[in-house]
Amino acid sequence: MSRSDLRARAHDLDVTVWVGKNGVEAVVEEADRQLDDDDLVKVKFLRAARGGTSTEELAEQLASQVDAELVETRGNTAVFYRE
């Protein structure tokens, strides 16, 4: 599936994982479980999680930990895909 197709599908998705002050490590298991159930997952990175780190850096970190492709980041939200 092309990146533009994935972005189009993700447009109407609701955020189902929120990364807060406990960081990416706190949501790895939940994100992994959701990616097992659904191939697309939308994650919101709250201000407390970001600190001095960009959303893109946190999203790349989460993508590598759950073995998923980072489809896009927009604002403080990221979309992940895994077949």
C-alpha atoms as a PDB file:
ATOM      1  CA  MET A   1       0.000   0.000   0.000  1.00  0.00           C
ATOM      2  CA  SER A   2       1.400   3.404  -0.915  1.00  0.00           C
ATOM      3  CA  ARG A   3       2.212   6.079   1.635  1.00  0.00           C
ATOM      4  CA  SER A   4      -0.507   8.356   0.241  1.00  0.00           C
ATOM      5  CA  ASP A   5      -3.083   5.547   0.571  1.00  0.00           C
ATOM      6  CA  LEU A   6      -2.022   5.012   4.177  1.00  0.00           C
ATOM      7  CA  ARG A   7      -2.256   8.740   4.929  1.00  0.00           C
ATOM      8  CA  ALA A   8      -5.735   8.841   3.405  1.00  0.00           C
ATOM      9  CA  ARG A   9      -6.867   5.901   5.538  1.00  0.00           C
ATOM     10  CA  ALA A  10      -5.326   7.445   8.654  1.00  0.00           C
ATOM     11  CA  HIS A  11      -7.141  10.737   8.159  1.00  0.00           C
ATOM     12  CA  ASP A  12     -10.365   9.490   9.775  1.00  0.00           C
ATOM     13  CA  LEU A  13      -8.671   7.412  12.480  1.00  0.00           C
ATOM     14  CA  ASP A  14      -9.064   8.443  16.093  1.00  0.00           C
ATOM     15  CA  VAL A  15      -6.048   8.700  18.362  1.00  0.00           C
ATOM     16  CA  THR A  16      -5.910   5.501  20.410  1.00  0.00           C
ATOM     17  CA  VAL A  17      -2.513   5.852  22.136  1.00  0.00           C
ATOM     18  CA  TRP A  18      -1.364   8.873  24.128  1.00  0.00           C
ATOM     19  CA  VAL A  19       2.272   9.316  25.109  1.00  0.00           C
ATOM     20  CA  GLY A  20       2.560  11.359  28.303  1.00  0.00           C
ATOM     21  CA  LYS A  21       5.115  12.188  30.958  1.00  0.00           C
ATOM     22  CA  ASN A  22       6.186   8.542  31.325  1.00  0.00           C
ATOM     23  CA  GLY A  23       7.480   8.602  27.768  1.00  0.00           C
ATOM     24  CA  VAL A  24       7.494   6.211  24.851  1.00  0.00           C
ATOM     25  CA  GLU A  25       8.517   3.196  26.929  1.00  0.00           C
ATOM     26  CA  ALA A  26       5.221   3.361  28.835  1.00  0.00           C
ATOM     27  CA  VAL A  27       3.139   2.785  25.683  1.00  0.00           C
ATOM     28  CA  VAL A  28       5.262   0.319  23.704  1.00  0.00           C
ATOM     29  CA  GLU A  29       3.230  -2.740  24.734  1.00  0.00           C
ATOM     30  CA  GLU A  30      -0.119  -1.040  24.063  1.00  0.00           C
ATOM     31  CA  ALA A  31       0.975   0.300  20.671  1.00  0.00           C
ATOM     32  CA  ASP A  32       2.349  -3.131  19.754  1.00  0.00           C
ATOM     33  CA  ARG A  33      -0.917  -4.817  20.759  1.00  0.00           C
ATOM     34  CA  GLN A  34      -2.964  -2.342  18.734  1.00  0.00           C
ATOM     35  CA  LEU A  35      -0.753  -2.820  15.686  1.00  0.00           C
ATOM     36  CA  ASP A  36      -1.337  -6.569  15.998  1.00  0.00           C
ATOM     37  CA  ASP A  37      -5.100  -5.926  15.884  1.00  0.00           C
ATOM     38  CA  ASP A  38      -5.141  -3.097  13.321  1.00  0.00           C
ATOM     39  CA  ASP A  39      -2.518  -2.244  10.743  1.00  0.00           C
ATOM     40  CA  LEU A  40      -2.782   1.542  11.343  1.00  0.00           C
ATOM     41  CA  VAL A  41      -2.506   3.266  14.718  1.00  0.00           C
ATOM     42  CA  LYS A  42      -2.596   6.976  15.486  1.00  0.00           C
ATOM     43  CA  VAL A  43      -0.546   8.205  18.463  1.00  0.00           C
ATOM     44  CA  LYS A  44      -0.631  11.612  20.164  1.00  0.00           C
ATOM     45  CA  PHE A  45       2.507  12.912  21.869  1.00  0.00           C
ATOM     46  CA  LEU A  46       1.449  15.161  24.742  1.00  0.00           C
ATOM     47  CA  ARG A  47       3.517  18.167  25.794  1.00  0.00           C
ATOM     48  CA  ALA A  48       4.767  16.356  28.919  1.00  0.00           C
ATOM     49  CA  ALA A  49       6.276  13.606  26.736  1.00  0.00           C
ATOM     50  CA  ARG A  50       8.013  15.952  24.353  1.00  0.00           C
ATOM     51  CA  GLY A  51      10.009  18.113  26.755  1.00  0.00           C
ATOM     52  CA  GLY A  52      12.936  19.178  24.587  1.00  0.00           C
ATOM     53  CA  THR A  53      12.456  16.381  22.057  1.00  0.00           C
ATOM     54  CA  SER A  54      10.599  16.743  18.773  1.00  0.00           C
ATOM     55  CA  THR A  55       7.533  14.710  17.893  1.00  0.00           C
ATOM     56  CA  GLU A  56       9.431  13.251  14.926  1.00  0.00           C
ATOM     57  CA  GLU A  57      12.224  11.935  17.157  1.00  0.00           C
ATOM     58  CA  LEU A  58       9.773  10.366  19.603  1.00  0.00           C
ATOM     59  CA  ALA A  59       7.741   8.866  16.752  1.00  0.00           C
ATOM     60  CA  GLU A  60      10.853   7.323  15.180  1.00  0.00           C
ATOM     61  CA  GLN A  61      11.822   5.890  18.565  1.00  0.00           C
ATOM     62  CA  LEU A  62       8.382   4.318  19.024  1.00  0.00           C
ATOM     63  CA  ALA A  63       8.352   2.994  15.447  1.00  0.00           C
ATOM     64  CA  SER A  64      11.638   1.173  15.985  1.00  0.00           C
ATOM     65  CA  GLN A  65      10.479  -0.293  19.304  1.00  0.00           C
ATOM     66  CA  VAL A  66       7.234  -1.695  17.867  1.00  0.00           C
ATOM     67  CA  ASP A  67       8.759  -2.669  14.507  1.00  0.00           C
ATOM     68  CA  ALA A  68       6.405  -0.443  12.520  1.00  0.00           C
ATOM     69  CA  GLU A  69       6.692   2.061   9.710  1.00  0.00           C
ATOM     70  CA  LEU A  70       6.211   5.709  10.582  1.00  0.00           C
ATOM     71  CA  VAL A  71       3.699   6.865   7.953  1.00  0.00           C
ATOM     72  CA  GLU A  72       3.620  10.544   8.915  1.00  0.00           C
ATOM     73  CA  THR A  73       3.774  13.050  11.712  1.00  0.00           C
ATOM     74  CA  ARG A  74       1.470  16.016  11.735  1.00  0.00           C
ATOM     75  CA  GLY A  75       1.683  18.427  14.628  1.00  0.00           C
ATOM     76  CA  ASN A  76       1.975  16.277  17.743  1.00  0.00           C
ATOM     77  CA  THR A  77       0.346  13.231  16.190  1.00  0.00           C
ATOM     78  CA  ALA A  78       1.963  10.320  14.362  1.00  0.00           C
ATOM     79  CA  VAL A  79       0.589   7.440  12.346  1.00  0.00           C
ATOM     80  CA  PHE A  80       2.191   3.984  12.396  1.00  0.00           C
ATOM     81  CA  TYR A  81       1.698   1.081  10.009  1.00  0.00           C
ATOM     82  CA  ARG A  82       2.572  -2.584  10.296  1.00  0.00           C
ATOM     83  CA  GLU A  83       1.417  -5.400   8.042  1.00  0.00           C
END
